[in-house]
Amino acid sequence: MSRREMYCWLVSLFFTAAGISPLSAQELSAFVKVNSSRVQGTHRQVFDTLEEALRTFINGRRWTDSPLLAGKRVNCSFTLVVTEALSSGSFKGELYVQSHRPVEKSDHSTPMLNVRDTEMEFDYTSHQSLQFDLNFIQGNLTAIIAYYAYLILGLDLDSRSSLGGTSCFRNMELIAVNAQSHGWKGWDRRGNRNRPAIAAAFNDGALEGYRHMWFDYHRQGLDVPAANGAPGSEKIVSSVLFLSALQAKRPTSVLIKLFGDAKLEEMVNLLSQTDVREKKQAHEALLKLYPARNNELERLR
């Protein structure tokens, strides 16, 4: 047996003994892009190695132990736009995170997350490996990326099983608490739509109804089509009514924005196929929820 064959055999033996498959251990399948076109006078190599380091960090790690994702990879994208070099090895930028999952018994996917995070400041040097320990946060870059990895997975798991993403959301809050002590930008708990606010919302027992609605929307509304093969409109309409009730109680809830940023276009497409009464009801409710997106809602008039 050659040295390479011996190495592969030992790796396979390790994973077998651990009870996991080396090909199925990771849950994320992320497209990763670092855009540094706005930064002048910095060696391009640092951003090339940063992109590869992020790709390895996100896709090469096992984030959860959930059996619901066994054999599955969650499709997502992380686009880091570096806007400024603050100093040698220190940068400022914006992060765009998106994810989606397949709709069962169909050939299309449903959007799950669409976030723009403008509070990115981080340190990185060329060829630096990215390390992360949930209980010992050392760097802002990996803290932010891990936070969004858990958000992606939590949303996916909640859509497959009622409250299935609880452990992921708790990890988000743990990251937020531990990162806050470093004074990094974006972790201040005084905001109502920043990272700590999102984590707190998903861990707030009083807001569990949102997570149940999220499950119903996907599992009962999309994954279980009506007799004509179309998504079940009843659960889609009820989700609009739930969001309206949530707005009445908590008008600034970050969950309302998160839902609209990911789902509004899909909801309009689905609701445009319902009867006149349902479309009118949905239009009135969604216009109050998302007044700035009136043009998109015109299809429901």
Protein backbone atom coordinates (compact mmCIF):
# COMPACT_ATOMS: atom_id res chain seq x y z
CA MET A 1 0.00 0.00 0.00
CA SER A 2 1.36 3.39 -1.01
CA ARG A 3 1.74 6.25 1.44
CA ARG A 4 -1.20 8.09 -0.20
CA GLU A 5 -3.39 5.00 -0.02
CA MET A 6 -2.44 4.52 3.61
CA TYR A 7 -3.38 8.15 4.36
CA CYS A 8 -6.80 7.82 2.68
CA TRP A 9 -7.44 4.55 4.52
CA LEU A 10 -6.62 6.15 7.88
CA VAL A 11 -8.87 9.14 7.16
CA SER A 12 -11.71 6.82 6.18
CA LEU A 13 -11.14 4.72 9.30
CA PHE A 14 -11.26 7.83 11.47
CA PHE A 15 -14.62 9.00 10.09
CA THR A 16 -16.05 5.50 10.27
CA ALA A 17 -15.05 5.20 13.91
CA ALA A 18 -16.61 8.59 14.57
CA GLY A 19 -19.84 7.46 12.95
CA ILE A 20 -19.84 10.07 10.18
CA SER A 21 -19.11 10.14 6.50
CA PRO A 22 -16.36 12.54 5.37
CA LEU A 23 -18.53 13.52 2.38
CA SER A 24 -21.71 14.14 4.36
CA ALA A 25 -20.23 15.76 7.47
CA GLN A 26 -20.61 19.30 6.17
CA GLU A 27 -24.04 20.88 5.93
CA LEU A 28 -23.33 24.01 3.86
CA SER A 29 -22.66 24.28 0.14
CA ALA A 30 -21.73 27.93 -0.19
CA PHE A 31 -20.72 30.05 -3.12
CA VAL A 32 -18.13 32.47 -1.73
CA LYS A 33 -16.94 35.66 -3.38
CA VAL A 34 -14.68 38.46 -2.14
CA ASN A 35 -15.00 41.67 -4.15
CA SER A 36 -12.13 44.09 -3.51
CA SER A 37 -12.46 46.35 -6.57
CA ARG A 38 -13.04 49.41 -4.39
CA VAL A 39 -9.78 49.00 -2.48
CA GLN A 40 -6.70 50.64 -3.96
CA GLY A 41 -3.04 50.02 -3.21
CA THR A 42 -3.46 46.64 -1.54
CA HIS A 43 -1.94 43.44 -2.86
CA ARG A 44 -4.65 41.43 -4.59
CA GLN A 45 -3.23 38.18 -3.25
CA VAL A 46 -4.56 38.83 0.24
CA PHE A 47 -8.12 38.88 -1.08
CA ASP A 48 -7.60 35.78 -3.19
CA THR A 49 -6.41 33.85 -0.14
CA LEU A 50 -9.22 35.36 1.96
CA GLU A 51 -11.81 34.06 -0.51
CA GLU A 52 -10.34 30.58 -0.44
CA ALA A 53 -10.01 30.63 3.36
CA LEU A 54 -13.67 31.62 3.72
CA ARG A 55 -14.77 28.92 1.29
CA THR A 56 -12.87 26.29 3.27
CA PHE A 57 -14.11 27.64 6.60
CA ILE A 58 -17.78 27.63 5.59
CA ASN A 59 -17.96 24.47 3.50
CA GLY A 60 -15.40 22.34 5.28
CA ARG A 61 -16.83 22.52 8.77
CA ARG A 62 -19.54 20.48 10.46
CA TRP A 63 -21.80 23.05 12.10
CA THR A 64 -24.57 20.92 13.64
CA ASP A 65 -25.40 17.39 14.72
CA SER A 66 -28.94 17.51 13.35
CA PRO A 67 -30.14 14.27 11.71
CA LEU A 68 -32.56 16.38 9.63
CA LEU A 69 -29.65 17.42 7.42
CA ALA A 70 -28.14 13.97 7.03
CA GLY A 71 -27.06 13.63 3.41
CA LYS A 72 -28.16 17.20 2.61
CA ARG A 73 -26.19 20.33 1.82
CA VAL A 74 -27.85 23.72 2.26
CA ASN A 75 -27.23 25.97 -0.73
CA CYS A 76 -26.18 29.50 0.15
CA SER A 77 -23.90 32.35 -0.85
CA PHE A 78 -21.58 34.71 1.02
CA THR A 79 -20.43 37.79 -0.88
CA LEU A 80 -17.97 40.01 0.97
CA VAL A 81 -17.49 43.46 -0.59
CA VAL A 82 -14.34 45.04 0.84
CA THR A 83 -14.86 48.80 0.75
CA GLU A 84 -11.80 50.10 2.56
CA ALA A 85 -8.37 49.08 3.87
CA LEU A 86 -8.24 50.67 7.31
CA SER A 87 -4.61 49.66 7.82
CA SER A 88 -2.30 46.83 6.89
CA GLY A 89 -4.31 43.68 7.55
CA SER A 90 -7.44 45.53 8.71
CA PHE A 91 -10.47 46.06 6.47
CA LYS A 92 -13.98 47.41 6.29
CA GLY A 93 -16.78 46.07 4.11
CA GLU A 94 -20.28 44.73 3.60
CA LEU A 95 -21.49 41.14 3.67
CA TYR A 96 -24.36 39.79 1.56
CA VAL A 97 -25.77 36.43 2.67
CA GLN A 98 -28.44 34.45 0.85
CA SER A 99 -29.78 30.93 1.14
CA HIS A 100 -32.53 28.78 -0.34
CA ARG A 101 -33.77 25.23 -0.15
CA PRO A 102 -35.55 22.90 -2.59
CA VAL A 103 -39.32 22.68 -2.40
CA GLU A 104 -40.28 19.04 -2.06
CA LYS A 105 -42.02 17.36 -5.00
CA SER A 106 -41.06 20.23 -7.30
CA ASP A 107 -38.20 21.41 -9.48
CA HIS A 108 -37.69 24.81 -7.88
CA SER A 109 -36.29 26.31 -4.68
CA THR A 110 -37.63 28.74 -2.12
CA PRO A 111 -35.58 31.67 -0.76
CA MET A 112 -34.83 31.46 2.94
CA LEU A 113 -32.51 34.36 3.74
CA ASN A 114 -31.48 37.60 2.04
CA VAL A 115 -29.37 39.81 4.31
CA ARG A 116 -27.05 42.76 3.81
CA ASP A 117 -24.74 43.42 6.76
CA THR A 118 -23.00 46.80 6.46
CA GLU A 119 -21.14 46.64 9.76
CA MET A 120 -18.13 44.57 8.74
CA GLU A 121 -14.71 45.39 10.15
CA PHE A 122 -12.15 42.61 10.37
CA ASP A 123 -8.48 41.67 10.40
CA TYR A 124 -6.90 39.29 7.94
CA THR A 125 -3.39 38.59 6.65
CA SER A 126 -2.50 36.64 3.52
CA HIS A 127 -2.70 32.83 3.89
CA GLN A 128 -4.12 33.12 7.40
CA SER A 129 -6.18 30.08 8.35
CA LEU A 130 -9.56 30.85 9.87
CA GLN A 131 -10.23 29.36 13.29
CA PHE A 132 -13.41 29.41 15.34
CA ASP A 133 -14.40 28.28 18.81
CA LEU A 134 -18.00 28.88 19.85
CA ASN A 135 -16.99 29.41 23.48
CA PHE A 136 -13.85 31.45 22.84
CA ILE A 137 -14.35 34.11 20.17
CA GLN A 138 -11.01 35.41 18.90
CA GLY A 139 -11.74 37.17 15.61
CA ASN A 140 -14.62 39.28 14.32
CA LEU A 141 -14.50 37.81 10.80
CA THR A 142 -15.08 34.22 11.85
CA ALA A 143 -17.61 35.31 14.49
CA ILE A 144 -19.73 37.04 11.83
CA ILE A 145 -19.45 34.21 9.31
CA ALA A 146 -20.28 31.57 11.93
CA TYR A 147 -23.23 33.65 13.11
CA TYR A 148 -24.73 33.68 9.62
CA ALA A 149 -23.92 30.02 9.06
CA TYR A 150 -26.02 29.19 12.11
CA LEU A 151 -28.79 31.53 10.93
CA ILE A 152 -28.90 29.77 7.55
CA LEU A 153 -29.02 26.36 9.17
CA GLY A 154 -31.54 27.41 11.83
CA LEU A 155 -33.96 28.71 9.21
CA ASP A 156 -33.55 25.58 7.12
CA LEU A 157 -34.12 23.28 10.09
CA ASP A 158 -37.13 25.30 11.29
CA SER A 159 -38.67 24.86 7.85
CA ARG A 160 -38.33 21.07 8.07
CA SER A 161 -39.33 20.49 11.69
CA SER A 162 -41.23 22.74 14.08
CA LEU A 163 -38.61 24.56 16.20
CA GLY A 164 -35.97 22.32 14.64
CA GLY A 165 -33.38 25.12 14.47
CA THR A 166 -33.34 25.91 18.19
CA SER A 167 -29.73 24.82 18.80
CA CYS A 168 -28.51 26.96 15.88
CA PHE A 169 -30.33 30.04 17.14
CA ARG A 170 -28.91 29.50 20.63
CA ASN A 171 -25.43 29.35 19.12
CA MET A 172 -26.11 32.66 17.35
CA GLU A 173 -26.97 34.27 20.66
CA LEU A 174 -23.89 32.79 22.32
CA ILE A 175 -21.71 34.27 19.57
CA ALA A 176 -23.43 37.65 19.99
CA VAL A 177 -22.85 37.64 23.75
CA ASN A 178 -19.20 36.62 23.49
CA ALA A 179 -18.43 39.01 20.62
CA GLN A 180 -19.95 41.98 22.38
CA SER A 181 -17.19 42.06 24.97
CA HIS A 182 -14.63 42.80 22.23
CA GLY A 183 -16.33 46.04 21.21
CA TRP A 184 -16.44 45.11 17.53
CA LYS A 185 -18.81 46.96 15.25
CA GLY A 186 -22.22 45.38 14.72
CA TRP A 187 -22.54 43.60 18.07
CA ASP A 188 -24.01 46.47 20.10
CA ARG A 189 -27.21 45.30 21.80
CA ARG A 190 -28.83 48.74 21.63
CA GLY A 191 -29.95 48.27 18.02
CA ASN A 192 -33.27 46.66 17.07
CA ARG A 193 -32.23 45.22 13.69
CA ASN A 194 -28.61 44.22 14.14
CA ARG A 195 -27.04 40.80 14.81
CA PRO A 196 -27.86 40.63 18.54
CA ALA A 197 -31.44 41.70 17.82
CA ILE A 198 -31.91 38.92 15.25
CA ALA A 199 -30.45 36.33 17.61
CA ALA A 200 -32.60 37.56 20.50
CA ALA A 201 -35.76 37.43 18.38
CA PHE A 202 -35.26 33.80 17.41
CA ASN A 203 -34.62 32.88 21.05
CA ASP A 204 -37.56 34.86 22.46
CA GLY A 205 -40.21 32.43 23.69
CA ALA A 206 -42.88 35.06 23.12
CA LEU A 207 -42.02 35.00 19.41
CA GLU A 208 -42.15 31.24 18.92
CA GLY A 209 -45.31 31.78 16.92
CA TYR A 210 -43.18 33.23 14.13
CA ARG A 211 -41.12 30.06 13.98
CA HIS A 212 -44.28 27.91 13.89
CA MET A 213 -45.59 30.10 11.07
CA TRP A 214 -42.27 29.64 9.21
CA PHE A 215 -42.65 25.87 9.49
CA ASP A 216 -46.27 25.93 8.32
CA TYR A 217 -45.41 28.21 5.39
CA HIS A 218 -42.78 25.80 4.10
CA ARG A 219 -43.86 22.35 5.24
CA GLN A 220 -47.61 22.74 4.83
CA GLY A 221 -47.77 25.55 2.30
CA LEU A 222 -44.94 24.75 -0.14
CA ASP A 223 -43.90 21.13 0.45
CA VAL A 224 -47.48 19.82 0.48
CA PRO A 225 -49.13 21.09 -2.72
CA ALA A 226 -52.87 21.31 -3.24
CA ALA A 227 -54.73 18.83 -5.44
CA ASN A 228 -53.92 20.89 -8.54
CA GLY A 229 -50.20 20.75 -7.78
CA ALA A 230 -49.97 24.40 -6.71
CA PRO A 231 -48.65 25.42 -3.27
CA GLY A 232 -51.28 25.46 -0.54
CA SER A 233 -52.48 29.07 -0.50
CA GLU A 234 -54.16 28.72 2.91
CA LYS A 235 -50.84 28.62 4.76
CA ILE A 236 -49.44 31.44 2.63
CA VAL A 237 -52.39 33.69 3.44
CA SER A 238 -52.27 32.76 7.14
CA SER A 239 -48.60 33.76 7.26
CA VAL A 240 -49.56 37.25 6.05
CA LEU A 241 -52.18 37.50 8.76
CA PHE A 242 -49.67 36.36 11.37
CA LEU A 243 -47.16 39.01 10.29
CA SER A 244 -49.90 41.65 10.53
CA ALA A 245 -50.68 40.56 14.09
CA LEU A 246 -46.97 40.61 14.93
CA GLN A 247 -46.66 44.13 13.54
CA ALA A 248 -49.54 45.29 15.74
CA LYS A 249 -47.75 43.97 18.83
CA ARG A 250 -44.14 44.65 17.85
CA PRO A 251 -44.05 47.12 14.94
CA THR A 252 -40.24 47.27 14.83
CA SER A 253 -39.64 43.51 15.02
CA VAL A 254 -36.64 42.49 12.95
CA LEU A 255 -38.45 39.28 12.01
CA ILE A 256 -40.89 41.23 9.82
CA LYS A 257 -38.03 42.70 7.82
CA LEU A 258 -36.19 39.37 7.57
CA PHE A 259 -39.28 37.68 6.23
CA GLY A 260 -40.01 40.38 3.67
CA ASP A 261 -36.43 40.62 2.43
CA ALA A 262 -36.40 36.89 1.68
CA LYS A 263 -40.01 36.08 0.89
CA LEU A 264 -41.99 39.03 -0.45
CA GLU A 265 -41.38 38.37 -4.14
CA GLU A 266 -42.26 34.70 -3.71
CA MET A 267 -45.39 35.55 -1.74
CA VAL A 268 -46.61 37.96 -4.39
CA ASN A 269 -46.08 35.30 -7.05
CA LEU A 270 -48.03 32.73 -5.05
CA LEU A 271 -50.82 35.02 -3.92
CA SER A 272 -51.34 36.42 -7.42
CA GLN A 273 -52.78 33.00 -8.29
CA THR A 274 -55.46 33.09 -5.58
CA ASP A 275 -59.02 34.42 -5.88
CA VAL A 276 -59.88 38.11 -5.93
CA ARG A 277 -60.88 38.26 -2.26
CA GLU A 278 -57.65 36.66 -1.02
CA LYS A 279 -55.53 38.86 -3.27
CA LYS A 280 -57.24 42.01 -2.00
CA GLN A 281 -56.85 40.92 1.62
CA ALA A 282 -53.18 40.06 1.10
CA HIS A 283 -52.47 43.32 -0.73
CA GLU A 284 -53.89 45.46 2.07
CA ALA A 285 -51.98 43.56 4.75
CA LEU A 286 -48.66 43.42 2.90
CA LEU A 287 -48.83 47.12 2.01
CA LYS A 288 -49.00 47.96 5.72
CA LEU A 289 -46.12 45.59 6.41
CA TYR A 290 -43.88 46.72 3.53
CA PRO A 291 -45.02 50.19 2.37
CA ALA A 292 -41.71 50.93 0.64
CA ARG A 293 -42.30 48.01 -1.74
CA ASN A 294 -45.61 49.17 -3.13
CA ASN A 295 -44.53 48.62 -6.77
CA GLU A 296 -43.98 44.91 -6.16
CA LEU A 297 -47.39 44.59 -4.52
CA GLU A 298 -49.28 46.08 -7.47
CA ARG A 299 -49.71 42.59 -8.92
CA LEU A 300 -52.15 41.83 -6.10
CA ARG A 301 -54.47 44.77 -6.78
